[in-house]
Amino acid sequence: MSEIQVSRPTEQELQALSVSDWPIWTCEPSTFDWEYDEPETCYLLAGKVKVTSSGGQVEFGAGDLVTFPSGLKCTWHVSDAVRKHYKFG
C-alpha cells in the first residue's frame, strides 16, 4: 500500500479545510522527481497525474484530495496539465 492517500471529498469537507484559501500551483505535462521535506495536502482542480514511489504507483486527477507524507521521494508523471490548491505542513 502506498503512503500517498487519495480521497474524493465532499463540498462540506473542502469548506471545512478552507481549501479555496490555499495557494494554487500549475504544471504543464511533464515528468520530474520530487522529495517532500514536509507533508503536503492538495486538491486537484484539473489535470491527471501518476506518482511513482517505493510504495508503488498512485494515479489521481481533478476532484481528488491527495496527501503526501514528509520524507516521500517520488516521480511525478503529469499527463494532463495540473491546477491544484495545496498546503504544506
Protein backbone atom coordinates (compact mmCIF):
# COMPACT_ATOMS: atom_id res chain seq x y z
CA MET A 1 0.00 0.00 0.00
CA SER A 2 1.26 3.46 -0.87
CA GLU A 3 1.98 6.18 1.67
CA ILE A 4 0.08 8.56 -0.63
CA GLN A 5 -3.59 8.92 0.34
CA VAL A 6 -6.26 9.83 -2.23
CA SER A 7 -9.90 10.63 -1.46
CA ARG A 8 -12.93 12.26 -3.10
CA PRO A 9 -14.00 14.95 -0.62
CA THR A 10 -17.48 16.43 -0.36
CA GLU A 11 -18.03 20.16 -0.75
CA GLN A 12 -18.54 20.33 3.03
CA GLU A 13 -15.16 18.66 3.65
CA LEU A 14 -13.45 21.10 1.29
CA GLN A 15 -15.07 24.04 3.08
CA ALA A 16 -14.06 22.67 6.50
CA LEU A 17 -10.42 22.50 5.29
CA SER A 18 -10.66 26.04 3.75
CA VAL A 19 -9.21 24.59 0.54
CA SER A 20 -10.31 27.62 -1.51
CA ASP A 21 -7.97 29.78 0.62
CA TRP A 22 -4.90 27.65 -0.20
CA PRO A 23 -2.45 28.83 -2.90
CA ILE A 24 -2.71 27.45 -6.44
CA TRP A 25 0.08 25.62 -8.31
CA THR A 26 0.02 24.76 -12.00
CA CYS A 27 2.16 22.41 -14.09
CA GLU A 28 2.20 21.52 -17.78
CA PRO A 29 2.56 17.87 -18.83
CA SER A 30 6.00 16.72 -17.67
CA THR A 31 7.93 14.18 -15.61
CA PHE A 32 10.05 15.16 -12.62
CA ASP A 33 11.48 13.81 -9.36
CA TRP A 34 10.27 15.30 -6.08
CA GLU A 35 11.04 14.86 -2.39
CA TYR A 36 8.67 16.07 0.35
CA ASP A 37 10.51 17.69 3.28
CA GLU A 38 7.14 18.23 4.99
CA PRO A 39 3.64 16.78 4.49
CA GLU A 40 1.54 18.22 1.65
CA THR A 41 -2.20 18.11 1.10
CA CYS A 42 -3.53 19.16 -2.29
CA TYR A 43 -6.86 19.32 -4.09
CA LEU A 44 -6.78 18.95 -7.88
CA LEU A 45 -8.97 21.36 -9.81
CA ALA A 46 -7.75 19.99 -13.16
CA GLY A 47 -5.27 17.52 -14.54
CA LYS A 48 -4.18 13.92 -14.33
CA VAL A 49 -1.09 12.63 -12.53
CA LYS A 50 0.64 9.32 -11.85
CA VAL A 51 3.12 9.34 -8.94
CA THR A 52 5.62 6.52 -8.52
CA SER A 53 7.43 5.89 -5.22
CA SER A 54 8.96 2.95 -3.38
CA GLY A 55 5.44 2.31 -2.04
CA GLY A 56 4.01 1.81 -5.52
CA GLN A 57 2.17 3.85 -8.10
CA VAL A 58 -0.83 6.10 -7.46
CA GLU A 59 -3.00 7.89 -10.03
CA PHE A 60 -5.21 10.88 -9.28
CA GLY A 61 -6.92 13.76 -11.04
CA ALA A 62 -9.47 16.55 -10.86
CA GLY A 63 -11.70 16.27 -7.78
CA ASP A 64 -9.18 14.26 -5.72
CA LEU A 65 -7.76 15.33 -2.36
CA VAL A 66 -4.24 13.90 -2.04
CA THR A 67 -1.88 13.78 0.95
CA PHE A 68 1.85 13.13 0.69
CA PRO A 69 3.91 12.26 3.79
CA SER A 70 7.10 14.03 4.85
CA GLY A 71 10.20 12.25 3.53
CA LEU A 72 8.48 10.77 0.46
CA LYS A 73 10.74 10.52 -2.61
CA CYS A 74 8.78 10.10 -5.82
CA THR A 75 8.49 10.78 -9.53
CA TRP A 76 5.57 12.80 -10.89
CA HIS A 77 4.24 11.96 -14.35
CA VAL A 78 1.84 14.78 -15.32
CA SER A 79 -0.17 13.60 -18.35
CA ASP A 80 -2.79 16.41 -18.34
CA ALA A 81 -1.90 19.92 -17.16
CA VAL A 82 -2.42 20.30 -13.40
CA ARG A 83 -4.07 23.11 -11.48
CA LYS A 84 -4.28 22.44 -7.75
CA HIS A 85 -4.74 24.05 -4.36
CA TYR A 86 -2.01 22.98 -1.94
CA LYS A 87 -0.97 23.28 1.69
CA PHE A 88 2.27 22.22 3.37
CA GLY A 89 2.57 21.14 6.98
